[in-house]
PDB file of N, CA and C in Angstrom:
ATOM      1  N   MET A   1      96.716  58.969 115.174  1.00  0.00           N
ATOM      2  CA  MET A   1      98.091  58.866 115.140  1.00  0.00           C
ATOM      3  C   MET A   1      98.431  57.245 115.709  1.00  0.00           C
ATOM      4  N   SER A   2      99.458  56.892 114.692  1.00  0.00           N
ATOM      5  CA  SER A   2      99.802  55.278 114.984  1.00  0.00           C
ATOM      6  C   SER A   2     100.477  55.262 116.331  1.00  0.00           C
ATOM      7  N   ASP A   3     100.389  54.197 116.838  1.00  0.00           N
ATOM      8  CA  ASP A   3     101.354  53.900 118.144  1.00  0.00           C
ATOM      9  C   ASP A   3     102.847  53.746 117.933  1.00  0.00           C
ATOM     10  N   LYS A   4     102.953  53.745 116.734  1.00  0.00           N
ATOM     11  CA  LYS A   4     104.570  53.628 116.116  1.00  0.00           C
ATOM     12  C   LYS A   4     105.002  54.880 115.945  1.00  0.00           C
ATOM     13  N   ILE A   5     104.322  56.067 115.944  1.00  0.00           N
ATOM     14  CA  ILE A   5     104.933  57.303 115.751  1.00  0.00           C
ATOM     15  C   ILE A   5     104.867  58.055 116.914  1.00  0.00           C
ATOM     16  N   LYS A   6     105.782  58.626 117.566  1.00  0.00           N
ATOM     17  CA  LYS A   6     105.803  59.260 118.673  1.00  0.00           C
ATOM     18  C   LYS A   6     106.318  60.906 118.368  1.00  0.00           C
ATOM     19  N   PRO A   7     105.223  61.704 118.750  1.00  0.00           N
ATOM     20  CA  PRO A   7     105.874  63.196 118.577  1.00  0.00           C
ATOM     21  C   PRO A   7     106.856  63.436 119.699  1.00  0.00           C
ATOM     22  N   ILE A   8     107.739  64.553 119.096  1.00  0.00           N
ATOM     23  CA  ILE A   8     108.755  65.011 119.681  1.00  0.00           C
ATOM     24  C   ILE A   8     108.435  66.280 119.996  1.00  0.00           C
ATOM     25  N   GLY A   9     108.678  67.178 120.972  1.00  0.00           N
ATOM     26  CA  GLY A   9     108.517  68.528 121.326  1.00  0.00           C
ATOM     27  C   GLY A   9     107.444  69.124 121.386  1.00  0.00           C
ATOM     28  N   LYS A  10     107.089  70.406 121.663  1.00  0.00           N
ATOM     29  CA  LYS A  10     105.860  71.150 121.814  1.00  0.00           C
ATOM     30  C   LYS A  10     105.594  71.302 120.701  1.00  0.00           C
ATOM     31  N   LYS A  11     104.256  70.853 120.043  1.00  0.00           N
ATOM     32  CA  LYS A  11     103.493  71.245 118.951  1.00  0.00           C
ATOM     33  C   LYS A  11     103.018  72.903 119.160  1.00  0.00           C
ATOM     34  N   ASN A  12     103.570  73.656 117.882  1.00  0.00           N
ATOM     35  CA  ASN A  12     102.631  75.018 117.977  1.00  0.00           C
ATOM     36  C   ASN A  12     101.468  74.990 117.661  1.00  0.00           C
ATOM     37  N   PRO A  13     100.443  75.657 118.614  1.00  0.00           N
ATOM     38  CA  PRO A  13      99.114  75.410 118.623  1.00  0.00           C
ATOM     39  C   PRO A  13      98.564  75.777 117.052  1.00  0.00           C
ATOM     40  N   ASN A  14      99.591  76.770 116.351  1.00  0.00           N
ATOM     41  CA  ASN A  14      99.233  77.133 115.261  1.00  0.00           C
ATOM     42  C   ASN A  14      99.359  76.670 113.774  1.00  0.00           C
ATOM     43  N   LEU A  15     100.309  75.529 114.048  1.00  0.00           N
ATOM     44  CA  LEU A  15     100.893  74.497 113.098  1.00  0.00           C
ATOM     45  C   LEU A  15     100.422  73.237 113.184  1.00  0.00           C
ATOM     46  N   PRO A  16     100.268  72.638 111.968  1.00  0.00           N
ATOM     47  CA  PRO A  16      99.785  71.182 112.004  1.00  0.00           C
ATOM     48  C   PRO A  16     100.672  70.275 112.019  1.00  0.00           C
ATOM     49  N   PHE A  17     101.850  70.712 112.614  1.00  0.00           N
ATOM     50  CA  PHE A  17     103.017  69.233 112.901  1.00  0.00           C
ATOM     51  C   PHE A  17     103.630  69.529 113.958  1.00  0.00           C
ATOM     52  N   HIS A  18     104.508  68.676 114.319  1.00  0.00           N
ATOM     53  CA  HIS A  18     105.394  68.663 115.487  1.00  0.00           C
ATOM     54  C   HIS A  18     106.727  69.112 115.198  1.00  0.00           C
ATOM     55  N   PRO A  19     107.826  69.553 116.203  1.00  0.00           N
ATOM     56  CA  PRO A  19     109.044  70.043 115.744  1.00  0.00           C
ATOM     57  C   PRO A  19     109.750  68.466 115.153  1.00  0.00           C
ATOM     58  N   ALA A  20     109.345  67.255 115.789  1.00  0.00           N
ATOM     59  CA  ALA A  20     110.020  65.981 115.046  1.00  0.00           C
ATOM     60  C   ALA A  20     109.199  64.916 115.712  1.00  0.00           C
ATOM     61  N   VAL A  21     109.245  63.849 114.923  1.00  0.00           N
ATOM     62  CA  VAL A  21     108.601  62.749 115.461  1.00  0.00           C
ATOM     63  C   VAL A  21     109.537  61.424 115.214  1.00  0.00           C
ATOM     64  N   ARG A  22     109.363  60.478 116.156  1.00  0.00           N
ATOM     65  CA  ARG A  22     110.218  59.197 116.273  1.00  0.00           C
ATOM     66  C   ARG A  22     109.318  58.244 115.340  1.00  0.00           C
ATOM     67  N   ALA A  23     109.883  57.572 114.522  1.00  0.00           N
ATOM     68  CA  ALA A  23     109.221  56.343 113.963  1.00  0.00           C
ATOM     69  C   ALA A  23     110.257  55.236 114.020  1.00  0.00           C
ATOM     70  N   GLY A  24     110.221  54.232 114.849  1.00  0.00           N
ATOM     71  CA  GLY A  24     111.211  53.236 115.278  1.00  0.00           C
ATOM     72  C   GLY A  24     112.358  53.743 115.790  1.00  0.00           C
ATOM     73  N   ASP A  25     113.243  53.404 114.826  1.00  0.00           N
ATOM     74  CA  ASP A  25     114.765  54.033 115.296  1.00  0.00           C
ATOM     75  C   ASP A  25     115.186  55.269 114.523  1.00  0.00           C
ATOM     76  N   PHE A  26     114.116  55.883 113.939  1.00  0.00           N
ATOM     77  CA  PHE A  26     114.541  57.176 112.905  1.00  0.00           C
ATOM     78  C   PHE A  26     113.744  58.443 113.683  1.00  0.00           C
ATOM     79  N   ILE A  27     114.394  59.440 113.874  1.00  0.00           N
ATOM     80  CA  ILE A  27     113.661  60.743 114.127  1.00  0.00           C
ATOM     81  C   ILE A  27     113.809  61.715 113.084  1.00  0.00           C
ATOM     82  N   PHE A  28     112.616  62.212 112.646  1.00  0.00           N
ATOM     83  CA  PHE A  28     112.496  63.078 111.721  1.00  0.00           C
ATOM     84  C   PHE A  28     112.099  64.375 112.103  1.00  0.00           C
ATOM     85  N   VAL A  29     113.329  65.261 111.808  1.00  0.00           N
ATOM     86  CA  VAL A  29     113.059  66.666 112.289  1.00  0.00           C
ATOM     87  C   VAL A  29     112.163  67.366 111.062  1.00  0.00           C
ATOM     88  N   SER A  30     111.544  68.358 111.652  1.00  0.00           N
ATOM     89  CA  SER A  30     110.643  69.165 110.837  1.00  0.00           C
ATOM     90  C   SER A  30     111.504  70.249 110.188  1.00  0.00           C
ATOM     91  N   GLY A  31     111.164  70.912 109.152  1.00  0.00           N
ATOM     92  CA  GLY A  31     112.129  72.227 108.933  1.00  0.00           C
ATOM     93  C   GLY A  31     112.124  73.172 109.951  1.00  0.00           C
ATOM     94  N   GLN A  32     113.387  73.175 110.192  1.00  0.00           N
ATOM     95  CA  GLN A  32     113.678  74.568 111.219  1.00  0.00           C
ATOM     96  C   GLN A  32     114.284  75.545 110.653  1.00  0.00           C
ATOM     97  N   VAL A  33     114.269  76.315 111.256  1.00  0.00           N
ATOM     98  CA  VAL A  33     114.680  78.263 110.771  1.00  0.00           C
ATOM     99  C   VAL A  33     115.669  78.635 111.984  1.00  0.00           C
ATOM    100  N   PRO A  34     116.082  79.814 111.624  1.00  0.00           N
ATOM    101  CA  PRO A  34     116.995  80.379 112.859  1.00  0.00           C
ATOM    102  C   PRO A  34     116.071  81.104 114.012  1.00  0.00           C
ATOM    103  N   LYS A  35     116.263  80.409 115.099  1.00  0.00           N
ATOM    104  CA  LYS A  35     115.412  80.547 116.379  1.00  0.00           C
ATOM    105  C   LYS A  35     116.438  80.544 117.613  1.00  0.00           C
ATOM    106  N   ASP A  36     116.261  81.494 118.512  1.00  0.00           N
ATOM    107  CA  ASP A  36     117.113  81.071 119.482  1.00  0.00           C
ATOM    108  C   ASP A  36     116.360  80.223 120.545  1.00  0.00           C
ATOM    109  N   GLU A  37     116.721  79.836 121.741  1.00  0.00           N
ATOM    110  CA  GLU A  37     116.604  78.839 122.718  1.00  0.00           C
ATOM    111  C   GLU A  37     115.166  79.162 123.196  1.00  0.00           C
ATOM    112  N   ASN A  38     114.700  80.222 123.050  1.00  0.00           N
ATOM    113  CA  ASN A  38     113.097  80.814 123.382  1.00  0.00           C
ATOM    114  C   ASN A  38     112.239  81.001 122.249  1.00  0.00           C
ATOM    115  N   GLY A  39     112.830  80.316 121.066  1.00  0.00           N
ATOM    116  CA  GLY A  39     111.912  80.279 120.003  1.00  0.00           C
ATOM    117  C   GLY A  39     111.539  81.520 119.238  1.00  0.00           C
ATOM    118  N   ASN A  40     112.276  82.469 119.361  1.00  0.00           N
ATOM    119  CA  ASN A  40     112.017  83.652 118.846  1.00  0.00           C
ATOM    120  C   ASN A  40     113.201  83.645 117.583  1.00  0.00           C
ATOM    121  N   MET A  41     112.370  84.036 116.511  1.00  0.00           N
ATOM    122  CA  MET A  41     113.123  84.348 115.114  1.00  0.00           C
ATOM    123  C   MET A  41     114.630  85.168 115.305  1.00  0.00           C
ATOM    124  N   CYS A  42     115.494  84.825 114.574  1.00  0.00           N
ATOM    125  CA  CYS A  42     116.940  85.447 114.692  1.00  0.00           C
ATOM    126  C   CYS A  42     117.201  85.969 113.345  1.00  0.00           C
ATOM    127  N   ASP A  43     117.476  87.098 113.268  1.00  0.00           N
ATOM    128  CA  ASP A  43     117.804  87.656 111.698  1.00  0.00           C
ATOM    129  C   ASP A  43     119.095  87.924 111.804  1.00  0.00           C
ATOM    130  N   GLY A  44     120.060  87.504 110.935  1.00  0.00           N
ATOM    131  CA  GLY A  44     121.536  87.883 110.973  1.00  0.00           C
ATOM    132  C   GLY A  44     122.308  87.474 109.482  1.00  0.00           C
ATOM    133  N   THR A  45     123.224  87.377 109.827  1.00  0.00           N
ATOM    134  CA  THR A  45     124.021  86.781 108.477  1.00  0.00           C
ATOM    135  C   THR A  45     123.941  85.584 108.255  1.00  0.00           C
ATOM    136  N   ILE A  46     124.268  85.060 107.023  1.00  0.00           N
ATOM    137  CA  ILE A  46     123.951  83.670 106.672  1.00  0.00           C
ATOM    138  C   ILE A  46     124.604  82.611 107.703  1.00  0.00           C
ATOM    139  N   GLU A  47     125.989  83.332 108.146  1.00  0.00           N
ATOM    140  CA  GLU A  47     126.572  82.413 109.168  1.00  0.00           C
ATOM    141  C   GLU A  47     125.993  82.379 110.334  1.00  0.00           C
ATOM    142  N   GLU A  48     125.528  83.268 110.884  1.00  0.00           N
ATOM    143  CA  GLU A  48     124.827  83.387 112.463  1.00  0.00           C
ATOM    144  C   GLU A  48     123.374  82.605 112.150  1.00  0.00           C
ATOM    145  N   GLU A  49     122.568  82.654 111.064  1.00  0.00           N
ATOM    146  CA  GLU A  49     121.482  82.271 111.015  1.00  0.00           C
ATOM    147  C   GLU A  49     121.730  80.670 110.754  1.00  0.00           C
ATOM    148  N   THR A  50     122.886  80.098 110.195  1.00  0.00           N
ATOM    149  CA  THR A  50     123.154  78.872 109.883  1.00  0.00           C
ATOM    150  C   THR A  50     123.461  78.348 111.417  1.00  0.00           C
ATOM    151  N   ARG A  51     124.157  78.886 111.899  1.00  0.00           N
ATOM    152  CA  ARG A  51     124.384  78.596 113.365  1.00  0.00           C
ATOM    153  C   ARG A  51     122.979  78.187 114.234  1.00  0.00           C
ATOM    154  N   TRP A  52     122.293  79.488 114.229  1.00  0.00           N
ATOM    155  CA  TRP A  52     120.938  79.231 114.952  1.00  0.00           C
ATOM    156  C   TRP A  52     119.973  78.259 114.593  1.00  0.00           C
ATOM    157  N   THR A  53     120.233  77.690 113.299  1.00  0.00           N
ATOM    158  CA  THR A  53     119.259  76.921 112.800  1.00  0.00           C
ATOM    159  C   THR A  53     119.775  75.688 112.964  1.00  0.00           C
ATOM    160  N   ILE A  54     121.062  75.073 113.162  1.00  0.00           N
ATOM    161  CA  ILE A  54     121.598  73.842 113.395  1.00  0.00           C
ATOM    162  C   ILE A  54     121.307  73.613 115.106  1.00  0.00           C
ATOM    163  N   GLU A  55     121.469  74.883 116.059  1.00  0.00           N
ATOM    164  CA  GLU A  55     121.426  74.473 117.279  1.00  0.00           C
ATOM    165  C   GLU A  55     119.893  74.295 117.521  1.00  0.00           C
ATOM    166  N   SER A  56     119.039  74.765 116.661  1.00  0.00           N
ATOM    167  CA  SER A  56     117.587  74.685 116.944  1.00  0.00           C
ATOM    168  C   SER A  56     117.166  72.769 116.391  1.00  0.00           C
ATOM    169  N   VAL A  57     117.988  72.300 115.656  1.00  0.00           N
ATOM    170  CA  VAL A  57     117.778  71.075 115.335  1.00  0.00           C
ATOM    171  C   VAL A  57     118.547  70.313 116.455  1.00  0.00           C
ATOM    172  N   ARG A  58     119.650  70.755 116.786  1.00  0.00           N
ATOM    173  CA  ARG A  58     120.211  70.202 117.966  1.00  0.00           C
ATOM    174  C   ARG A  58     119.318  70.043 119.233  1.00  0.00           C
ATOM    175  N   ARG A  59     118.830  71.164 119.522  1.00  0.00           N
ATOM    176  CA  ARG A  59     117.750  71.321 120.930  1.00  0.00           C
ATOM    177  C   ARG A  59     116.757  70.342 120.559  1.00  0.00           C
ATOM    178  N   ILE A  60     116.072  70.032 119.537  1.00  0.00           N
ATOM    179  CA  ILE A  60     115.083  69.203 119.038  1.00  0.00           C
ATOM    180  C   ILE A  60     115.630  67.646 119.383  1.00  0.00           C
ATOM    181  N   LEU A  61     116.611  67.323 118.694  1.00  0.00           N
ATOM    182  CA  LEU A  61     117.108  65.946 118.799  1.00  0.00           C
ATOM    183  C   LEU A  61     117.460  65.517 120.377  1.00  0.00           C
ATOM    184  N   ALA A  62     117.928  66.400 121.069  1.00  0.00           N
ATOM    185  CA  ALA A  62     118.270  66.524 122.601  1.00  0.00           C
ATOM    186  C   ALA A  62     117.084  65.954 123.062  1.00  0.00           C
ATOM    187  N   LEU A  63     116.114  66.230 122.819  1.00  0.00           N
ATOM    188  CA  LEU A  63     114.859  65.990 123.786  1.00  0.00           C
ATOM    189  C   LEU A  63     114.615  64.460 123.547  1.00  0.00           C
ATOM    190  N   GLU A  64     115.095  63.680 122.637  1.00  0.00           N
ATOM    191  CA  GLU A  64     115.037  62.299 122.601  1.00  0.00           C
ATOM    192  C   GLU A  64     116.422  61.570 122.886  1.00  0.00           C
ATOM    193  N   GLY A  65     117.635  62.697 123.330  1.00  0.00           N
ATOM    194  CA  GLY A  65     118.702  61.922 123.670  1.00  0.00           C
ATOM    195  C   GLY A  65     119.491  61.389 122.646  1.00  0.00           C
ATOM    196  N   VAL A  66     119.176  62.325 121.396  1.00  0.00           N
ATOM    197  CA  VAL A  66     119.863  62.141 120.166  1.00  0.00           C
ATOM    198  C   VAL A  66     120.873  63.240 119.776  1.00  0.00           C
ATOM    199  N   GLU A  67     121.899  63.093 119.123  1.00  0.00           N
ATOM    200  CA  GLU A  67     122.923  64.080 118.865  1.00  0.00           C
ATOM    201  C   GLU A  67     123.131  64.473 117.452  1.00  0.00           C
ATOM    202  N   LEU A  68     123.512  65.690 117.264  1.00  0.00           N
ATOM    203  CA  LEU A  68     124.061  65.871 115.515  1.00  0.00           C
ATOM    204  C   LEU A  68     124.607  64.839 114.870  1.00  0.00           C
ATOM    205  N   SER A  69     125.541  64.031 115.710  1.00  0.00           N
ATOM    206  CA  SER A  69     126.205  62.839 114.997  1.00  0.00           C
ATOM    207  C   SER A  69     125.538  61.613 114.815  1.00  0.00           C
ATOM    208  N   ASP A  70     124.363  61.937 115.277  1.00  0.00           N
ATOM    209  CA  ASP A  70     123.247  60.526 114.930  1.00  0.00           C
ATOM    210  C   ASP A  70     122.484  61.113 113.549  1.00  0.00           C
ATOM    211  N   ILE A  71     122.322  62.166 113.021  1.00  0.00           N
ATOM    212  CA  ILE A  71     122.146  62.557 111.638  1.00  0.00           C
ATOM    213  C   ILE A  71     122.513  61.760 110.626  1.00  0.00           C
ATOM    214  N   VAL A  72     121.637  61.388 109.804  1.00  0.00           N
ATOM    215  CA  VAL A  72     121.968  60.542 108.795  1.00  0.00           C
ATOM    216  C   VAL A  72     121.729  61.250 107.166  1.00  0.00           C
ATOM    217  N   LYS A  73     120.654  62.269 107.380  1.00  0.00           N
ATOM    218  CA  LYS A  73     120.203  62.870 106.223  1.00  0.00           C
ATOM    219  C   LYS A  73     119.860  64.391 106.578  1.00  0.00           C
ATOM    220  N   MET A  74     120.080  65.265 105.959  1.00  0.00           N
ATOM    221  CA  MET A  74     119.827  66.668 105.917  1.00  0.00           C
ATOM    222  C   MET A  74     119.273  67.141 104.462  1.00  0.00           C
ATOM    223  N   THR A  75     118.408  68.170 104.372  1.00  0.00           N
ATOM    224  CA  THR A  75     118.251  68.902 103.418  1.00  0.00           C
ATOM    225  C   THR A  75     118.282  70.551 103.882  1.00  0.00           C
ATOM    226  N   ILE A  76     118.954  71.189 102.886  1.00  0.00           N
ATOM    227  CA  ILE A  76     119.180  72.693 103.409  1.00  0.00           C
ATOM    228  C   ILE A  76     118.603  73.314 102.385  1.00  0.00           C
ATOM    229  N   PHE A  77     117.683  74.538 102.575  1.00  0.00           N
ATOM    230  CA  PHE A  77     117.001  75.348 101.957  1.00  0.00           C
ATOM    231  C   PHE A  77     117.797  76.599 102.123  1.00  0.00           C
ATOM    232  N   LEU A  78     118.679  77.377 100.967  1.00  0.00           N
ATOM    233  CA  LEU A  78     119.003  78.509 101.186  1.00  0.00           C
ATOM    234  C   LEU A  78     118.085  79.351 100.080  1.00  0.00           C
ATOM    235  N   GLU A  79     117.806  80.657 100.780  1.00  0.00           N
ATOM    236  CA  GLU A  79     117.309  81.789 100.247  1.00  0.00           C
ATOM    237  C   GLU A  79     117.773  82.068  98.845  1.00  0.00           C
ATOM    238  N   ASP A  80     119.545  82.166  99.007  1.00  0.00           N
ATOM    239  CA  ASP A  80     120.154  82.748  97.889  1.00  0.00           C
ATOM    240  C   ASP A  80     121.418  81.515  97.689  1.00  0.00           C
ATOM    241  N   ALA A  81     121.495  80.960  96.695  1.00  0.00           N
ATOM    242  CA  ALA A  81     122.428  79.766  96.324  1.00  0.00           C
ATOM    243  C   ALA A  81     123.922  80.802  96.534  1.00  0.00           C
ATOM    244  N   ARG A  82     124.074  81.676  96.141  1.00  0.00           N
ATOM    245  CA  ARG A  82     125.297  82.617  96.477  1.00  0.00           C
ATOM    246  C   ARG A  82     125.995  82.533  97.676  1.00  0.00           C
ATOM    247  N   ASN A  83     125.006  82.165  98.858  1.00  0.00           N
ATOM    248  CA  ASN A  83     125.587  81.911 100.203  1.00  0.00           C
ATOM    249  C   ASN A  83     126.000  80.382 100.631  1.00  0.00           C
ATOM    250  N   PHE A  84     126.143  79.850  99.869  1.00  0.00           N
ATOM    251  CA  PHE A  84     126.444  78.543  99.575  1.00  0.00           C
ATOM    252  C   PHE A  84     127.906  78.147 100.186  1.00  0.00           C
ATOM    253  N   GLY A  85     129.002  78.809  99.857  1.00  0.00           N
ATOM    254  CA  GLY A  85     130.128  78.770 100.468  1.00  0.00           C
ATOM    255  C   GLY A  85     130.383  79.271 101.976  1.00  0.00           C
ATOM    256  N   ARG A  86     129.484  80.403 102.319  1.00  0.00           N
ATOM    257  CA  ARG A  86     129.842  80.935 103.614  1.00  0.00           C
ATOM    258  C   ARG A  86     128.875  79.926 104.673  1.00  0.00           C
ATOM    259  N   TYR A  87     127.625  79.247 104.279  1.00  0.00           N
ATOM    260  CA  TYR A  87     127.001  78.547 104.886  1.00  0.00           C
ATOM    261  C   TYR A  87     127.639  76.999 105.210  1.00  0.00           C
ATOM    262  N   ASN A  88     128.259  76.721 104.002  1.00  0.00           N
ATOM    263  CA  ASN A  88     129.115  75.394 104.480  1.00  0.00           C
ATOM    264  C   ASN A  88     130.054  75.502 104.924  1.00  0.00           C
ATOM    265  N   LYS A  89     130.833  76.622 105.258  1.00  0.00           N
ATOM    266  CA  LYS A  89     131.872  76.502 106.165  1.00  0.00           C
ATOM    267  C   LYS A  89     131.407  76.406 107.547  1.00  0.00           C
ATOM    268  N   ILE A  90     130.196  77.054 107.867  1.00  0.00           N
ATOM    269  CA  ILE A  90     129.771  76.627 109.146  1.00  0.00           C
ATOM    270  C   ILE A  90     129.201  75.630 109.223  1.00  0.00           C
ATOM    271  N   PHE A  91     128.571  74.758 108.328  1.00  0.00           N
ATOM    272  CA  PHE A  91     128.034  73.280 108.299  1.00  0.00           C
ATOM    273  C   PHE A  91     129.093  72.386 108.621  1.00  0.00           C
ATOM    274  N   ALA A  92     130.269  72.729 107.994  1.00  0.00           N
ATOM    275  CA  ALA A  92     131.383  72.106 108.058  1.00  0.00           C
ATOM    276  C   ALA A  92     132.272  71.818 109.601  1.00  0.00           C
ATOM    277  N   GLU A  93     131.733  72.951 110.194  1.00  0.00           N
ATOM    278  CA  GLU A  93     132.186  73.340 111.455  1.00  0.00           C
ATOM    279  C   GLU A  93     131.430  72.089 112.617  1.00  0.00           C
ATOM    280  N   TYR A  94     130.250  71.958 112.376  1.00  0.00           N
ATOM    281  CA  TYR A  94     129.327  71.067 113.301  1.00  0.00           C
ATOM    282  C   TYR A  94     129.369  69.402 112.639  1.00  0.00           C
ATOM    283  N   PHE A  95     129.882  69.576 111.294  1.00  0.00           N
ATOM    284  CA  PHE A  95     129.990  67.947 110.879  1.00  0.00           C
ATOM    285  C   PHE A  95     131.138  68.136 110.095  1.00  0.00           C
ATOM    286  N   PRO A  96     132.370  67.715 110.950  1.00  0.00           N
ATOM    287  CA  PRO A  96     133.672  68.021 110.398  1.00  0.00           C
ATOM    288  C   PRO A  96     133.936  66.467 109.728  1.00  0.00           C
ATOM    289  N   GLU A  97     133.385  65.556 110.074  1.00  0.00           N
ATOM    290  CA  GLU A  97     133.694  64.081 109.505  1.00  0.00           C
ATOM    291  C   GLU A  97     132.700  64.075 108.066  1.00  0.00           C
ATOM    292  N   GLY A  98     131.681  64.795 108.308  1.00  0.00           N
ATOM    293  CA  GLY A  98     130.667  64.661 106.962  1.00  0.00           C
ATOM    294  C   GLY A  98     130.042  63.523 106.739  1.00  0.00           C
ATOM    295  N   VAL A  99     129.923  62.851 108.012  1.00  0.00           N
ATOM    296  CA  VAL A  99     129.391  61.572 107.673  1.00  0.00           C
ATOM    297  C   VAL A  99     127.984  61.334 107.547  1.00  0.00           C
ATOM    298  N   LEU A 100     127.322  62.113 106.694  1.00  0.00           N
ATOM    299  CA  LEU A 100     125.769  62.231 106.382  1.00  0.00           C
ATOM    300  C   LEU A 100     125.482  62.479 104.877  1.00  0.00           C
ATOM    301  N   ALA A 101     124.387  62.250 104.673  1.00  0.00           N
ATOM    302  CA  ALA A 101     123.913  62.577 103.090  1.00  0.00           C
ATOM    303  C   ALA A 101     123.112  63.832 103.369  1.00  0.00           C
ATOM    304  N   ARG A 102     123.628  64.723 102.646  1.00  0.00           N
ATOM    305  CA  ARG A 102     122.841  66.276 102.323  1.00  0.00           C
ATOM    306  C   ARG A 102     122.533  66.779 100.969  1.00  0.00           C
ATOM    307  N   THR A 103     121.233  67.302 100.851  1.00  0.00           N
ATOM    308  CA  THR A 103     120.931  67.986  99.872  1.00  0.00           C
ATOM    309  C   THR A 103     120.734  69.432 100.105  1.00  0.00           C
ATOM    310  N   THR A 104     121.151  70.403  99.282  1.00  0.00           N
ATOM    311  CA  THR A 104     121.216  71.684  99.435  1.00  0.00           C
ATOM    312  C   THR A 104     120.611  72.331  98.325  1.00  0.00           C
ATOM    313  N   VAL A 105     119.460  73.189  98.431  1.00  0.00           N
ATOM    314  CA  VAL A 105     118.931  73.632  97.226  1.00  0.00           C
ATOM    315  C   VAL A 105     118.554  75.104  97.451  1.00  0.00           C
ATOM    316  N   GLU A 106     118.242  75.727  96.536  1.00  0.00           N
ATOM    317  CA  GLU A 106     117.872  77.232  96.383  1.00  0.00           C
ATOM    318  C   GLU A 106     116.355  77.463  96.395  1.00  0.00           C
ATOM    319  N   ALA A 107     115.956  77.814  97.786  1.00  0.00           N
ATOM    320  CA  ALA A 107     114.410  78.067  97.762  1.00  0.00           C
ATOM    321  C   ALA A 107     114.027  78.954  98.888  1.00  0.00           C
ATOM    322  N   ARG A 108     112.962  79.842  98.408  1.00  0.00           N
ATOM    323  CA  ARG A 108     112.498  80.778  99.556  1.00  0.00           C
ATOM    324  C   ARG A 108     111.686  80.293 100.399  1.00  0.00           C
ATOM    325  N   ALA A 109     111.868  80.595 101.941  1.00  0.00           N
ATOM    326  CA  ALA A 109     110.785  79.868 102.743  1.00  0.00           C
ATOM    327  C   ALA A 109     109.809  80.808 102.895  1.00  0.00           C
ATOM    328  N   VAL A 110     108.639  80.273 103.474  1.00  0.00           N
ATOM    329  CA  VAL A 110     107.442  81.044 103.640  1.00  0.00           C
ATOM    330  C   VAL A 110     107.583  82.046 104.807  1.00  0.00           C
ATOM    331  N   ILE A 111     108.544  82.332 105.225  1.00  0.00           N
ATOM    332  CA  ILE A 111     108.907  83.155 106.618  1.00  0.00           C
ATOM    333  C   ILE A 111     110.147  84.152 105.881  1.00  0.00           C
ATOM    334  N   GLU A 112     110.520  85.004 106.584  1.00  0.00           N
ATOM    335  CA  GLU A 112     111.610  85.609 106.261  1.00  0.00           C
ATOM    336  C   GLU A 112     112.922  85.070 106.912  1.00  0.00           C
ATOM    337  N   CYS A 113     113.438  84.443 106.196  1.00  0.00           N
ATOM    338  CA  CYS A 113     114.851  84.026 106.954  1.00  0.00           C
ATOM    339  C   CYS A 113     115.888  83.589 105.558  1.00  0.00           C
ATOM    340  N   LYS A 114     117.034  83.250 105.659  1.00  0.00           N
ATOM    341  CA  LYS A 114     118.048  83.011 104.900  1.00  0.00           C
ATOM    342  C   LYS A 114     118.150  81.376 104.568  1.00  0.00           C
ATOM    343  N   ILE A 115     117.962  80.633 105.447  1.00  0.00           N
ATOM    344  CA  ILE A 115     117.811  79.223 105.544  1.00  0.00           C
ATOM    345  C   ILE A 115     117.123  78.502 106.350  1.00  0.00           C
ATOM    346  N   GLU A 116     116.728  77.192 105.823  1.00  0.00           N
ATOM    347  CA  GLU A 116     115.813  76.422 106.667  1.00  0.00           C
ATOM    348  C   GLU A 116     116.644  74.913 106.403  1.00  0.00           C
ATOM    349  N   MET A 117     116.403  73.960 107.446  1.00  0.00           N
ATOM    350  CA  MET A 117     117.068  72.599 107.553  1.00  0.00           C
ATOM    351  C   MET A 117     116.028  71.406 107.928  1.00  0.00           C
ATOM    352  N   ASP A 118     115.882  70.399 107.465  1.00  0.00           N
ATOM    353  CA  ASP A 118     115.342  69.480 107.966  1.00  0.00           C
ATOM    354  C   ASP A 118     116.397  68.482 108.324  1.00  0.00           C
ATOM    355  N   ALA A 119     115.927  67.294 109.124  1.00  0.00           N
ATOM    356  CA  ALA A 119     117.245  66.135 109.307  1.00  0.00           C
ATOM    357  C   ALA A 119     116.344  64.848 109.576  1.00  0.00           C
ATOM    358  N   ILE A 120     117.013  63.852 109.406  1.00  0.00           N
ATOM    359  CA  ILE A 120     116.646  62.522 109.666  1.00  0.00           C
ATOM    360  C   ILE A 120     117.869  62.074 110.466  1.00  0.00           C
ATOM    361  N   ALA A 121     117.406  61.380 111.576  1.00  0.00           N
ATOM    362  CA  ALA A 121     118.494  60.956 112.271  1.00  0.00           C
ATOM    363  C   ALA A 121     118.170  59.450 112.651  1.00  0.00           C
ATOM    364  N   TYR A 122     119.226  58.375 112.893  1.00  0.00           N
ATOM    365  CA  TYR A 122     118.998  57.323 113.292  1.00  0.00           C
ATOM    366  C   TYR A 122     119.746  56.896 114.691  1.00  0.00           C
ATOM    367  N   LYS A 123     118.692  56.795 115.746  1.00  0.00           N
ATOM    368  CA  LYS A 123     119.484  56.469 117.282  1.00  0.00           C
ATOM    369  C   LYS A 123     118.338  55.051 117.552  1.00  0.00           C
ATOM    370  N   PRO A 124     118.725  53.950 117.674  1.00  0.00           N
ATOM    371  CA  PRO A 124     118.043  52.783 118.160  1.00  0.00           C
ATOM    372  C   PRO A 124     117.324  53.000 119.402  1.00  0.00           C
ATOM    373  N   LYS A 125     116.207  52.584 119.808  1.00  0.00           N
ATOM    374  CA  LYS A 125     115.695  52.912 120.899  1.00  0.00           C
ATOM    375  C   LYS A 125     116.542  51.858 122.077  1.00  0.00           C
ATOM    376  N   SER A 126     116.592  52.328 123.280  1.00  0.00           N
ATOM    377  CA  SER A 126     117.287  51.836 124.337  1.00  0.00           C
ATOM    378  C   SER A 126     116.486  50.969 125.159  1.00  0.00           C
TER     379      SER A 126
END
């Protein structure tokens, strides 16, 4: 691994990647699904799953002293595009200023969930 890339978070021994990596001033968060603070999958409404997923992203960023407001780009994968309005309402609660780029697509995850998100944040090293 390059000395310019720093893994963030504890790697799952069954998966070939980390929850996030820092490359310079950018933090790249791997796809997150609805999990609680103990890493257990959570099944619920699209609103609940959206909150759990954003909170998963928040927890990973916090390991590096980064906040949701430092996110510059997110990609959202919805199992069912008909849930867009309901998910978007919750998303807007977390990002009221909407100062980030975002892509939302309909795609099935490889595990049973309604939503998956990845993120890119920008936070210069101190």
